[in-house]
Amino acid sequence: MSTLLDEALALYARLPAAERFHVHARASSAPLLAVVERMLAGGTVADIGCGHGLLSALLALSDPGRVVHAVDPDPRKVGWAREALAGLPQVKLAEGTLEDVLAPALPGTCEAAVVCDVLYLLPEEKWPGFLRTARGLLRPGGRLLLKEVEGDGSWKHRKALAQEWVMVSLLGRTKASGGMVLKPRSAMRALLEDAGFTVREVVDLGRGYTTPHVLYVAEASVP
Protein backbone atom coordinates (compact mmCIF):
# COMPACT_ATOMS: atom_id res chain seq x y z
CA MET A 1 0.00 0.00 0.00
CA SER A 2 1.30 3.47 -0.84
CA THR A 3 2.46 6.03 1.69
CA LEU A 4 -0.20 8.47 0.44
CA LEU A 5 -2.98 5.94 0.91
CA ASP A 6 -1.67 5.00 4.35
CA GLU A 7 -1.68 8.68 5.33
CA ALA A 8 -5.25 9.13 4.13
CA LEU A 9 -6.52 5.99 5.85
CA ALA A 10 -4.91 7.08 9.12
CA LEU A 11 -7.33 10.01 9.21
CA TYR A 12 -10.18 7.56 9.78
CA ALA A 13 -8.59 5.80 12.77
CA ARG A 14 -11.00 7.35 15.30
CA LEU A 15 -14.16 6.42 13.42
CA PRO A 16 -16.30 3.46 14.52
CA ALA A 17 -15.17 0.06 13.28
CA ALA A 18 -18.00 -0.27 10.74
CA GLU A 19 -17.10 3.04 9.11
CA ARG A 20 -13.37 2.25 9.10
CA PHE A 21 -14.12 -1.09 7.47
CA HIS A 22 -16.14 0.62 4.73
CA VAL A 23 -13.35 3.12 4.02
CA HIS A 24 -10.65 0.45 3.95
CA ALA A 25 -12.78 -1.72 1.68
CA ARG A 26 -13.16 1.22 -0.68
CA ALA A 27 -9.39 1.76 -0.64
CA SER A 28 -8.66 -1.86 -1.56
CA SER A 29 -11.39 -2.32 -4.17
CA ALA A 30 -11.12 0.86 -6.26
CA PRO A 31 -8.09 2.35 -8.09
CA LEU A 32 -8.32 5.74 -6.40
CA LEU A 33 -4.61 6.50 -6.68
CA ALA A 34 -4.80 6.13 -10.47
CA VAL A 35 -7.47 8.85 -10.45
CA VAL A 36 -5.34 11.14 -8.28
CA GLU A 37 -2.34 10.67 -10.56
CA ARG A 38 -4.26 12.14 -13.50
CA MET A 39 -5.51 15.20 -11.62
CA LEU A 40 -4.24 18.61 -12.64
CA ALA A 41 -1.94 20.32 -10.14
CA GLY A 42 -3.39 22.87 -7.73
CA GLY A 43 -6.57 24.81 -8.33
CA THR A 44 -10.16 24.08 -7.36
CA VAL A 45 -11.51 20.54 -7.67
CA ALA A 46 -15.07 19.27 -7.29
CA ASP A 47 -15.46 15.77 -5.84
CA ILE A 48 -19.00 14.80 -6.77
CA GLY A 49 -20.40 11.96 -4.67
CA CYS A 50 -17.55 11.94 -2.16
CA GLY A 51 -18.98 9.41 0.31
CA HIS A 52 -16.71 9.16 3.35
CA GLY A 53 -14.27 11.52 1.63
CA LEU A 54 -11.37 9.16 0.99
CA LEU A 55 -10.72 10.42 -2.54
CA SER A 56 -11.05 14.02 -1.32
CA ALA A 57 -8.43 13.28 1.34
CA LEU A 58 -6.08 11.78 -1.24
CA LEU A 59 -6.51 14.80 -3.51
CA ALA A 60 -5.77 17.21 -0.68
CA LEU A 61 -2.83 15.30 0.78
CA SER A 62 -1.17 14.86 -2.62
CA ASP A 63 -1.24 18.60 -3.36
CA PRO A 64 -1.50 21.13 -0.48
CA GLY A 65 -2.26 23.88 -3.03
CA ARG A 66 -5.46 22.15 -4.13
CA VAL A 67 -8.89 23.11 -2.76
CA VAL A 68 -11.43 20.29 -2.88
CA HIS A 69 -15.17 21.00 -2.78
CA ALA A 70 -16.76 17.65 -1.92
CA VAL A 71 -20.47 16.85 -1.90
CA ASP A 72 -22.59 13.79 -1.17
CA PRO A 73 -26.34 13.33 -0.63
CA ASP A 74 -25.85 10.96 2.33
CA PRO A 75 -25.80 13.02 5.55
CA ARG A 76 -24.35 10.11 7.53
CA LYS A 77 -21.33 9.73 5.23
CA VAL A 78 -20.76 13.49 5.10
CA GLY A 79 -20.82 13.58 8.89
CA TRP A 80 -18.16 10.88 9.16
CA ALA A 81 -16.11 12.60 6.46
CA ARG A 82 -16.20 15.87 8.37
CA GLU A 83 -15.00 14.14 11.50
CA ALA A 84 -12.17 12.31 9.73
CA LEU A 85 -10.99 15.21 7.56
CA ALA A 86 -11.26 17.98 10.15
CA GLY A 87 -7.49 18.47 9.90
CA LEU A 88 -7.63 19.17 6.15
CA PRO A 89 -9.02 22.71 5.87
CA GLN A 90 -8.64 22.71 2.08
CA VAL A 91 -11.41 20.07 1.87
CA LYS A 92 -14.83 21.75 1.92
CA LEU A 93 -17.55 19.17 2.60
CA ALA A 94 -21.25 19.67 1.99
CA GLU A 95 -24.38 17.54 2.10
CA GLY A 96 -26.35 17.61 -1.13
CA THR A 97 -26.01 17.08 -4.86
CA LEU A 98 -24.09 18.44 -7.79
CA GLU A 99 -27.18 20.27 -9.00
CA ASP A 100 -28.24 21.76 -5.66
CA VAL A 101 -24.89 22.61 -4.07
CA LEU A 102 -21.94 22.76 -6.44
CA ALA A 103 -23.56 24.07 -9.63
CA PRO A 104 -24.89 27.29 -8.01
CA ALA A 105 -21.71 27.88 -6.00
CA LEU A 106 -18.94 27.08 -8.50
CA PRO A 107 -20.05 27.89 -12.06
CA GLY A 108 -17.05 27.87 -14.40
CA THR A 109 -14.53 28.06 -11.56
CA CYS A 110 -13.06 24.56 -11.26
CA GLU A 111 -9.87 23.32 -12.85
CA ALA A 112 -11.13 19.77 -12.46
CA ALA A 113 -14.05 17.63 -11.36
CA VAL A 114 -14.03 13.99 -10.35
CA VAL A 115 -16.97 11.60 -10.44
CA CYS A 116 -15.99 8.21 -9.06
CA ASP A 117 -18.53 5.37 -9.10
CA VAL A 118 -21.53 7.70 -8.96
CA LEU A 119 -23.15 7.87 -12.38
CA TYR A 120 -24.41 4.29 -12.41
CA LEU A 121 -26.43 4.98 -9.24
CA LEU A 122 -28.56 7.59 -11.04
CA PRO A 123 -31.49 6.90 -13.37
CA GLU A 124 -30.09 6.54 -16.86
CA GLU A 125 -32.25 9.34 -18.26
CA LYS A 126 -30.51 11.78 -15.90
CA TRP A 127 -26.98 10.98 -17.10
CA PRO A 128 -26.83 13.55 -19.94
CA GLY A 129 -28.03 16.39 -17.74
CA PHE A 130 -25.71 15.35 -14.91
CA LEU A 131 -22.68 15.42 -17.21
CA ARG A 132 -23.67 18.79 -18.69
CA THR A 133 -24.02 20.19 -15.17
CA ALA A 134 -20.59 18.82 -14.24
CA ARG A 135 -19.17 20.47 -17.34
CA GLY A 136 -20.66 23.76 -16.17
CA LEU A 137 -18.38 23.71 -13.14
CA LEU A 138 -15.24 23.70 -15.28
CA ARG A 139 -13.17 26.44 -16.78
CA PRO A 140 -12.61 26.09 -20.55
CA GLY A 141 -10.21 23.19 -20.94
CA GLY A 142 -10.91 21.99 -17.40
CA ARG A 143 -10.61 18.28 -16.74
CA LEU A 144 -13.27 15.73 -15.84
CA LEU A 145 -12.14 12.42 -14.37
CA LEU A 146 -15.03 9.96 -14.60
CA LYS A 147 -14.37 6.54 -13.05
CA GLU A 148 -17.08 3.97 -13.71
CA VAL A 149 -17.51 0.22 -13.86
CA GLU A 150 -17.66 -0.97 -17.43
CA GLY A 151 -20.72 -2.82 -18.68
CA ASP A 152 -18.81 -5.36 -20.75
CA GLY A 153 -20.91 -8.46 -20.04
CA SER A 154 -18.04 -10.17 -18.23
CA TRP A 155 -18.20 -12.05 -14.94
CA LYS A 156 -16.62 -8.98 -13.34
CA HIS A 157 -19.51 -6.89 -14.66
CA ARG A 158 -22.08 -9.30 -13.19
CA LYS A 159 -20.20 -9.52 -9.91
CA ALA A 160 -20.10 -5.71 -9.63
CA LEU A 161 -23.87 -5.47 -10.11
CA ALA A 162 -24.48 -8.15 -7.50
CA GLN A 163 -22.13 -6.45 -5.06
CA GLU A 164 -23.83 -3.09 -5.51
CA TRP A 165 -27.25 -4.66 -5.07
CA VAL A 166 -26.08 -5.89 -1.67
CA MET A 167 -24.65 -2.47 -0.71
CA VAL A 168 -27.67 -0.49 -1.93
CA SER A 169 -30.71 -2.70 -1.45
CA LEU A 170 -29.72 -5.18 1.25
CA LEU A 171 -27.38 -3.25 3.55
CA GLY A 172 -28.36 0.32 2.70
CA ARG A 173 -24.71 1.41 2.78
CA THR A 174 -24.96 3.28 -0.53
CA LYS A 175 -27.69 5.62 -1.71
CA ALA A 176 -29.13 5.12 -5.19
CA SER A 177 -31.98 6.78 -7.01
CA GLY A 178 -33.08 4.16 -9.50
CA GLY A 179 -29.91 3.50 -11.50
CA MET A 180 -27.66 0.42 -11.32
CA VAL A 181 -26.86 0.55 -15.04
CA LEU A 182 -23.38 -0.18 -16.44
CA LYS A 183 -22.51 0.83 -20.00
CA PRO A 184 -19.75 -0.08 -22.47
CA ARG A 185 -16.94 2.33 -23.28
CA SER A 186 -18.37 3.37 -26.63
CA ALA A 187 -21.61 4.52 -25.01
CA MET A 188 -19.79 6.40 -22.25
CA ARG A 189 -17.55 8.17 -24.76
CA ALA A 190 -20.62 9.24 -26.77
CA LEU A 191 -22.34 10.56 -23.64
CA LEU A 192 -19.30 12.62 -22.69
CA GLU A 193 -18.94 14.08 -26.19
CA ASP A 194 -22.64 14.95 -26.29
CA ALA A 195 -22.24 16.75 -22.96
CA GLY A 196 -19.52 19.02 -24.35
CA PHE A 197 -16.38 17.11 -23.47
CA THR A 198 -13.42 15.99 -25.54
CA VAL A 199 -12.30 12.55 -24.39
CA ARG A 200 -8.52 12.54 -24.11
CA GLU A 201 -7.91 9.12 -22.59
CA VAL A 202 -9.79 5.95 -21.71
CA VAL A 203 -7.84 3.97 -19.11
CA ASP A 204 -8.49 0.32 -18.30
CA LEU A 205 -7.96 -0.02 -14.55
CA GLY A 206 -9.49 -3.45 -14.06
CA ARG A 207 -6.25 -5.41 -13.91
CA GLY A 208 -5.69 -6.76 -10.42
CA TYR A 209 -9.29 -6.07 -9.39
CA THR A 210 -12.44 -8.17 -9.56
CA THR A 211 -14.28 -5.16 -10.96
CA PRO A 212 -13.89 -3.83 -14.55
CA HIS A 213 -12.84 -0.30 -13.62
CA VAL A 214 -12.50 2.25 -16.43
CA LEU A 215 -11.37 5.87 -16.15
CA TYR A 216 -12.41 8.48 -18.71
CA VAL A 217 -10.19 11.56 -18.83
CA ALA A 218 -12.04 14.35 -20.62
CA GLU A 219 -11.71 18.09 -21.12
CA ALA A 220 -14.41 20.72 -21.30
CA SER A 221 -14.53 21.63 -24.98
CA VAL A 222 -13.95 25.29 -25.75
CA PRO A 223 -17.05 26.75 -27.44
C-alpha atoms as a PDB file:
ATOM      1  CA  MET A   1       0.000   0.000   0.000  1.00  0.00           C
ATOM      2  CA  SER A   2       1.303   3.465  -0.845  1.00  0.00           C
ATOM      3  CA  THR A   3       2.463   6.035   1.690  1.00  0.00           C
ATOM      4  CA  LEU A   4      -0.205   8.468   0.435  1.00  0.00           C
ATOM      5  CA  LEU A   5      -2.984   5.940   0.911  1.00  0.00           C
ATOM      6  CA  ASP A   6      -1.669   5.004   4.353  1.00  0.00           C
ATOM      7  CA  GLU A   7      -1.682   8.682   5.330  1.00  0.00           C
ATOM      8  CA  ALA A   8      -5.246   9.127   4.127  1.00  0.00           C
ATOM      9  CA  LEU A   9      -6.521   5.993   5.853  1.00  0.00           C
ATOM     10  CA  ALA A  10      -4.909   7.084   9.124  1.00  0.00           C
ATOM     11  CA  LEU A  11      -7.327  10.013   9.208  1.00  0.00           C
ATOM     12  CA  TYR A  12     -10.178   7.562   9.782  1.00  0.00           C
ATOM     13  CA  ALA A  13      -8.591   5.803  12.769  1.00  0.00           C
ATOM     14  CA  ARG A  14     -11.002   7.345  15.301  1.00  0.00           C
ATOM     15  CA  LEU A  15     -14.159   6.419  13.418  1.00  0.00           C
ATOM     16  CA  PRO A  16     -16.301   3.462  14.520  1.00  0.00           C
ATOM     17  CA  ALA A  17     -15.173   0.057  13.283  1.00  0.00           C
ATOM     18  CA  ALA A  18     -18.000  -0.273  10.738  1.00  0.00           C
ATOM     19  CA  GLU A  19     -17.098   3.042   9.111  1.00  0.00           C
ATOM     20  CA  ARG A  20     -13.371   2.250   9.103  1.00  0.00           C
ATOM     21  CA  PHE A  21     -14.121  -1.087   7.465  1.00  0.00           C
ATOM     22  CA  HIS A  22     -16.140   0.619   4.732  1.00  0.00           C
ATOM     23  CA  VAL A  23     -13.353   3.121   4.017  1.00  0.00           C
ATOM     24  CA  HIS A  24     -10.646   0.446   3.954  1.00  0.00           C
ATOM     25  CA  ALA A  25     -12.782  -1.722   1.682  1.00  0.00           C
ATOM     26  CA  ARG A  26     -13.159   1.216  -0.676  1.00  0.00           C
ATOM     27  CA  ALA A  27      -9.394   1.759  -0.644  1.00  0.00           C
ATOM     28  CA  SER A  28      -8.664  -1.857  -1.559  1.00  0.00           C
ATOM     29  CA  SER A  29     -11.387  -2.322  -4.172  1.00  0.00           C
ATOM     30  CA  ALA A  30     -11.116   0.860  -6.256  1.00  0.00           C
ATOM     31  CA  PRO A  31      -8.087   2.350  -8.089  1.00  0.00           C
ATOM     32  CA  LEU A  32      -8.318   5.739  -6.400  1.00  0.00           C
ATOM     33  CA  LEU A  33      -4.606   6.498  -6.681  1.00  0.00           C
ATOM     34  CA  ALA A  34      -4.805   6.135 -10.466  1.00  0.00           C
ATOM     35  CA  VAL A  35      -7.465   8.848 -10.446  1.00  0.00           C
ATOM     36  CA  VAL A  36      -5.342  11.137  -8.276  1.00  0.00           C
ATOM     37  CA  GLU A  37      -2.335  10.672 -10.559  1.00  0.00           C
ATOM     38  CA  ARG A  38      -4.265  12.140 -13.497  1.00  0.00           C
ATOM     39  CA  MET A  39      -5.506  15.199 -11.616  1.00  0.00           C
ATOM     40  CA  LEU A  40      -4.239  18.608 -12.636  1.00  0.00           C
ATOM     41  CA  ALA A  41      -1.945  20.324 -10.137  1.00  0.00           C
ATOM     42  CA  GLY A  42      -3.394  22.872  -7.729  1.00  0.00           C
ATOM     43  CA  GLY A  43      -6.570  24.809  -8.327  1.00  0.00           C
ATOM     44  CA  THR A  44     -10.161  24.080  -7.359  1.00  0.00           C
ATOM     45  CA  VAL A  45     -11.509  20.543  -7.667  1.00  0.00           C
ATOM     46  CA  ALA A  46     -15.074  19.273  -7.290  1.00  0.00           C
ATOM     47  CA  ASP A  47     -15.460  15.767  -5.838  1.00  0.00           C
ATOM     48  CA  ILE A  48     -18.999  14.798  -6.774  1.00  0.00           C
ATOM     49  CA  GLY A  49     -20.399  11.961  -4.669  1.00  0.00           C
ATOM     50  CA  CYS A  50     -17.553  11.940  -2.163  1.00  0.00           C
ATOM     51  CA  GLY A  51     -18.985   9.414   0.306  1.00  0.00           C
ATOM     52  CA  HIS A  52     -16.708   9.164   3.346  1.00  0.00           C
ATOM     53  CA  GLY A  53     -14.271  11.524   1.627  1.00  0.00           C
ATOM     54  CA  LEU A  54     -11.367   9.161   0.989  1.00  0.00           C
ATOM     55  CA  LEU A  55     -10.716  10.421  -2.539  1.00  0.00           C
ATOM     56  CA  SER A  56     -11.047  14.018  -1.320  1.00  0.00           C
ATOM     57  CA  ALA A  57      -8.431  13.278   1.336  1.00  0.00           C
ATOM     58  CA  LEU A  58      -6.077  11.781  -1.244  1.00  0.00           C
ATOM     59  CA  LEU A  59      -6.515  14.796  -3.514  1.00  0.00           C
ATOM     60  CA  ALA A  60      -5.767  17.213  -0.677  1.00  0.00           C
ATOM     61  CA  LEU A  61      -2.828  15.296   0.783  1.00  0.00           C
ATOM     62  CA  SER A  62      -1.174  14.859  -2.618  1.00  0.00           C
ATOM     63  CA  ASP A  63      -1.237  18.602  -3.364  1.00  0.00           C
ATOM     64  CA  PRO A  64      -1.498  21.134  -0.484  1.00  0.00           C
ATOM     65  CA  GLY A  65      -2.262  23.880  -3.032  1.00  0.00           C
ATOM     66  CA  ARG A  66      -5.455  22.147  -4.132  1.00  0.00           C
ATOM     67  CA  VAL A  67      -8.888  23.112  -2.762  1.00  0.00           C
ATOM     68  CA  VAL A  68     -11.435  20.289  -2.876  1.00  0.00           C
ATOM     69  CA  HIS A  69     -15.174  20.997  -2.777  1.00  0.00           C
ATOM     70  CA  ALA A  70     -16.765  17.651  -1.916  1.00  0.00           C
ATOM     71  CA  VAL A  71     -20.469  16.845  -1.903  1.00  0.00           C
ATOM     72  CA  ASP A  72     -22.587  13.792  -1.171  1.00  0.00           C
ATOM     73  CA  PRO A  73     -26.338  13.333  -0.630  1.00  0.00           C
ATOM     74  CA  ASP A  74     -25.854  10.961   2.334  1.00  0.00           C
ATOM     75  CA  PRO A  75     -25.798  13.018   5.551  1.00  0.00           C
ATOM     76  CA  ARG A  76     -24.352  10.111   7.526  1.00  0.00           C
ATOM     77  CA  LYS A  77     -21.325   9.735   5.233  1.00  0.00           C
ATOM     78  CA  VAL A  78     -20.762  13.489   5.097  1.00  0.00           C
ATOM     79  CA  GLY A  79     -20.820  13.577   8.892  1.00  0.00           C
ATOM     80  CA  TRP A  80     -18.164  10.884   9.160  1.00  0.00           C
ATOM     81  CA  ALA A  81     -16.108  12.596   6.456  1.00  0.00           C
ATOM     82  CA  ARG A  82     -16.199  15.869   8.368  1.00  0.00           C
ATOM     83  CA  GLU A  83     -14.996  14.144  11.497  1.00  0.00           C
ATOM     84  CA  ALA A  84     -12.169  12.312   9.731  1.00  0.00           C
ATOM     85  CA  LEU A  85     -10.988  15.206   7.561  1.00  0.00           C
ATOM     86  CA  ALA A  86     -11.260  17.979  10.146  1.00  0.00           C
ATOM     87  CA  GLY A  87      -7.493  18.465   9.899  1.00  0.00           C
ATOM     88  CA  LEU A  88      -7.631  19.168   6.154  1.00  0.00           C
ATOM     89  CA  PRO A  89      -9.019  22.711   5.871  1.00  0.00           C
ATOM     90  CA  GLN A  90      -8.636  22.708   2.078  1.00  0.00           C
ATOM     91  CA  VAL A  91     -11.410  20.068   1.867  1.00  0.00           C
ATOM     92  CA  LYS A  92     -14.835  21.748   1.917  1.00  0.00           C
ATOM     93  CA  LEU A  93     -17.553  19.168   2.604  1.00  0.00           C
ATOM     94  CA  ALA A  94     -21.255  19.672   1.985  1.00  0.00           C
ATOM     95  CA  GLU A  95     -24.381  17.539   2.100  1.00  0.00           C
ATOM     96  CA  GLY A  96     -26.353  17.613  -1.135  1.00  0.00           C
ATOM     97  CA  THR A  97     -26.015  17.084  -4.859  1.00  0.00           C
ATOM     98  CA  LEU A  98     -24.088  18.442  -7.791  1.00  0.00           C
ATOM     99  CA  GLU A  99     -27.184  20.274  -8.996  1.00  0.00           C
ATOM    100  CA  ASP A 100     -28.239  21.765  -5.657  1.00  0.00           C
ATOM    101  CA  VAL A 101     -24.889  22.613  -4.067  1.00  0.00           C
ATOM    102  CA  LEU A 102     -21.944  22.756  -6.438  1.00  0.00           C
ATOM    103  CA  ALA A 103     -23.565  24.068  -9.633  1.00  0.00           C
ATOM    104  CA  PRO A 104     -24.894  27.287  -8.008  1.00  0.00           C
ATOM    105  CA  ALA A 105     -21.711  27.876  -5.996  1.00  0.00           C
ATOM    106  CA  LEU A 106     -18.945  27.079  -8.502  1.00  0.00           C
ATOM    107  CA  PRO A 107     -20.052  27.890 -12.061  1.00  0.00           C
ATOM    108  CA  GLY A 108     -17.054  27.872 -14.402  1.00  0.00           C
ATOM    109  CA  THR A 109     -14.534  28.060 -11.556  1.00  0.00           C
ATOM    110  CA  CYS A 110     -13.059  24.559 -11.260  1.00  0.00           C
ATOM    111  CA  GLU A 111      -9.874  23.318 -12.854  1.00  0.00           C
ATOM    112  CA  ALA A 112     -11.134  19.773 -12.465  1.00  0.00           C
ATOM    113  CA  ALA A 113     -14.048  17.630 -11.358  1.00  0.00           C
ATOM    114  CA  VAL A 114     -14.026  13.988 -10.353  1.00  0.00           C
ATOM    115  CA  VAL A 115     -16.966  11.595 -10.441  1.00  0.00           C
ATOM    116  CA  CYS A 116     -15.987   8.206  -9.058  1.00  0.00           C
ATOM    117  CA  ASP A 117     -18.533   5.370  -9.095  1.00  0.00           C
ATOM    118  CA  VAL A 118     -21.527   7.698  -8.958  1.00  0.00           C
ATOM    119  CA  LEU A 119     -23.149   7.874 -12.375  1.00  0.00           C
ATOM    120  CA  TYR A 120     -24.410   4.287 -12.405  1.00  0.00           C
ATOM    121  CA  LEU A 121     -26.430   4.982  -9.240  1.00  0.00           C
ATOM    122  CA  LEU A 122     -28.555   7.586 -11.040  1.00  0.00           C
ATOM    123  CA  PRO A 123     -31.491   6.903 -13.371  1.00  0.00           C
ATOM    124  CA  GLU A 124     -30.091   6.538 -16.861  1.00  0.00           C
ATOM    125  CA  GLU A 125     -32.248   9.335 -18.257  1.00  0.00           C
ATOM    126  CA  LYS A 126     -30.512  11.775 -15.902  1.00  0.00           C
ATOM    127  CA  TRP A 127     -26.984  10.984 -17.097  1.00  0.00           C
ATOM    128  CA  PRO A 128     -26.828  13.549 -19.944  1.00  0.00           C
ATOM    129  CA  GLY A 129     -28.031  16.390 -17.735  1.00  0.00           C
ATOM    130  CA  PHE A 130     -25.714  15.352 -14.914  1.00  0.00           C
ATOM    131  CA  LEU A 131     -22.685  15.419 -17.213  1.00  0.00           C
ATOM    132  CA  ARG A 132     -23.671  18.791 -18.689  1.00  0.00           C
ATOM    133  CA  THR A 133     -24.022  20.192 -15.170  1.00  0.00           C
ATOM    134  CA  ALA A 134     -20.594  18.823 -14.241  1.00  0.00           C
ATOM    135  CA  ARG A 135     -19.166  20.472 -17.338  1.00  0.00           C
ATOM    136  CA  GLY A 136     -20.662  23.760 -16.168  1.00  0.00           C
ATOM    137  CA  LEU A 137     -18.379  23.710 -13.138  1.00  0.00           C
ATOM    138  CA  LEU A 138     -15.243  23.699 -15.281  1.00  0.00           C
ATOM    139  CA  ARG A 139     -13.171  26.440 -16.776  1.00  0.00           C
ATOM    140  CA  PRO A 140     -12.608  26.092 -20.548  1.00  0.00           C
ATOM    141  CA  GLY A 141     -10.210  23.195 -20.938  1.00  0.00           C
ATOM    142  CA  GLY A 142     -10.908  21.994 -17.396  1.00  0.00           C
ATOM    143  CA  ARG A 143     -10.607  18.277 -16.744  1.00  0.00           C
ATOM    144  CA  LEU A 144     -13.266  15.730 -15.841  1.00  0.00           C
ATOM    145  CA  LEU A 145     -12.145  12.420 -14.366  1.00  0.00           C
ATOM    146  CA  LEU A 146     -15.028   9.956 -14.604  1.00  0.00           C
ATOM    147  CA  LYS A 147     -14.366   6.535 -13.053  1.00  0.00           C
ATOM    148  CA  GLU A 148     -17.076   3.966 -13.708  1.00  0.00           C
ATOM    149  CA  VAL A 149     -17.513   0.219 -13.857  1.00  0.00           C
ATOM    150  CA  GLU A 150     -17.662  -0.974 -17.435  1.00  0.00           C
ATOM    151  CA  GLY A 151     -20.722  -2.818 -18.680  1.00  0.00           C
ATOM    152  CA  ASP A 152     -18.814  -5.364 -20.755  1.00  0.00           C
ATOM    153  CA  GLY A 153     -20.914  -8.465 -20.041  1.00  0.00           C
ATOM    154  CA  SER A 154     -18.042 -10.174 -18.226  1.00  0.00           C
ATOM    155  CA  TRP A 155     -18.202 -12.053 -14.940  1.00  0.00           C
ATOM    156  CA  LYS A 156     -16.624  -8.978 -13.342  1.00  0.00           C
ATOM    157  CA  HIS A 157     -19.514  -6.891 -14.658  1.00  0.00           C
ATOM    158  CA  ARG A 158     -22.081  -9.296 -13.193  1.00  0.00           C
ATOM    159  CA  LYS A 159     -20.198  -9.523  -9.907  1.00  0.00           C
ATOM    160  CA  ALA A 160     -20.101  -5.707  -9.633  1.00  0.00           C
ATOM    161  CA  LEU A 161     -23.875  -5.472 -10.109  1.00  0.00           C
ATOM    162  CA  ALA A 162     -24.482  -8.150  -7.495  1.00  0.00           C
ATOM    163  CA  GLN A 163     -22.133  -6.445  -5.056  1.00  0.00           C
ATOM    164  CA  GLU A 164     -23.830  -3.086  -5.511  1.00  0.00           C
ATOM    165  CA  TRP A 165     -27.255  -4.659  -5.066  1.00  0.00           C
ATOM    166  CA  VAL A 166     -26.076  -5.888  -1.675  1.00  0.00           C
ATOM    167  CA  MET A 167     -24.649  -2.468  -0.714  1.00  0.00           C
ATOM    168  CA  VAL A 168     -27.671  -0.489  -1.930  1.00  0.00           C
ATOM    169  CA  SER A 169     -30.708  -2.701  -1.447  1.00  0.00           C
ATOM    170  CA  LEU A 170     -29.721  -5.177   1.251  1.00  0.00           C
ATOM    171  CA  LEU A 171     -27.381  -3.254   3.553  1.00  0.00           C
ATOM    172  CA  GLY A 172     -28.363   0.320   2.699  1.00  0.00           C
ATOM    173  CA  ARG A 173     -24.706   1.414   2.778  1.00  0.00           C
ATOM    174  CA  THR A 174     -24.956   3.279  -0.532  1.00  0.00           C
ATOM    175  CA  LYS A 175     -27.693   5.617  -1.712  1.00  0.00           C
ATOM    176  CA  ALA A 176     -29.131   5.119  -5.192  1.00  0.00           C
ATOM    177  CA  SER A 177     -31.984   6.780  -7.011  1.00  0.00           C
ATOM    178  CA  GLY A 178     -33.077   4.164  -9.505  1.00  0.00           C
ATOM    179  CA  GLY A 179     -29.909   3.504 -11.500  1.00  0.00           C
ATOM    180  CA  MET A 180     -27.663   0.418 -11.316  1.00  0.00           C
ATOM    181  CA  VAL A 181     -26.857   0.554 -15.038  1.00  0.00           C
ATOM    182  CA  LEU A 182     -23.383  -0.179 -16.440  1.00  0.00           C
ATOM    183  CA  LYS A 183     -22.508   0.834 -20.000  1.00  0.00           C
ATOM    184  CA  PRO A 184     -19.753  -0.085 -22.474  1.00  0.00           C
ATOM    185  CA  ARG A 185     -16.945   2.334 -23.281  1.00  0.00           C
ATOM    186  CA  SER A 186     -18.365   3.369 -26.634  1.00  0.00           C
ATOM    187  CA  ALA A 187     -21.613   4.515 -25.009  1.00  0.00           C
ATOM    188  CA  MET A 188     -19.788   6.398 -22.254  1.00  0.00           C
ATOM    189  CA  ARG A 189     -17.554   8.171 -24.758  1.00  0.00           C
ATOM    190  CA  ALA A 190     -20.619   9.244 -26.765  1.00  0.00           C
ATOM    191  CA  LEU A 191     -22.341  10.558 -23.635  1.00  0.00           C
ATOM    192  CA  LEU A 192     -19.298  12.622 -22.694  1.00  0.00           C
ATOM    193  CA  GLU A 193     -18.942  14.078 -26.187  1.00  0.00           C
ATOM    194  CA  ASP A 194     -22.644  14.954 -26.291  1.00  0.00           C
ATOM    195  CA  ALA A 195     -22.245  16.754 -22.956  1.00  0.00           C
ATOM    196  CA  GLY A 196     -19.523  19.024 -24.347  1.00  0.00           C
ATOM    197  CA  PHE A 197     -16.376  17.107 -23.474  1.00  0.00           C
ATOM    198  CA  THR A 198     -13.421  15.992 -25.541  1.00  0.00           C
ATOM    199  CA  VAL A 199     -12.305  12.549 -24.388  1.00  0.00           C
ATOM    200  CA  ARG A 200      -8.519  12.540 -24.114  1.00  0.00           C
ATOM    201  CA  GLU A 201      -7.911   9.121 -22.585  1.00  0.00           C
ATOM    202  CA  VAL A 202      -9.786   5.945 -21.707  1.00  0.00           C
ATOM    203  CA  VAL A 203      -7.839   3.969 -19.113  1.00  0.00           C
ATOM    204  CA  ASP A 204      -8.485   0.323 -18.305  1.00  0.00           C
ATOM    205  CA  LEU A 205      -7.958  -0.016 -14.546  1.00  0.00           C
ATOM    206  CA  GLY A 206      -9.486  -3.451 -14.057  1.00  0.00           C
ATOM    207  CA  ARG A 207      -6.249  -5.415 -13.908  1.00  0.00           C
ATOM    208  CA  GLY A 208      -5.690  -6.760 -10.415  1.00  0.00           C
ATOM    209  CA  TYR A 209      -9.288  -6.071  -9.392  1.00  0.00           C
ATOM    210  CA  THR A 210     -12.439  -8.172  -9.561  1.00  0.00           C
ATOM    211  CA  THR A 211     -14.276  -5.159 -10.963  1.00  0.00           C
ATOM    212  CA  PRO A 212     -13.894  -3.827 -14.555  1.00  0.00           C
ATOM    213  CA  HIS A 213     -12.839  -0.302 -13.619  1.00  0.00           C
ATOM    214  CA  VAL A 214     -12.495   2.249 -16.425  1.00  0.00           C
ATOM    215  CA  LEU A 215     -11.369   5.871 -16.146  1.00  0.00           C
ATOM    216  CA  TYR A 216     -12.412   8.475 -18.705  1.00  0.00           C
ATOM    217  CA  VAL A 217     -10.185  11.557 -18.830  1.00  0.00           C
ATOM    218  CA  ALA A 218     -12.042  14.354 -20.623  1.00  0.00           C
ATOM    219  CA  GLU A 219     -11.710  18.095 -21.116  1.00  0.00           C
ATOM    220  CA  ALA A 220     -14.415  20.721 -21.299  1.00  0.00           C
ATOM    221  CA  SER A 221     -14.532  21.633 -24.975  1.00  0.00           C
ATOM    222  CA  VAL A 222     -13.950  25.291 -25.748  1.00  0.00           C
ATOM    223  CA  PRO A 223     -17.055  26.753 -27.445  1.00  0.00           C
END
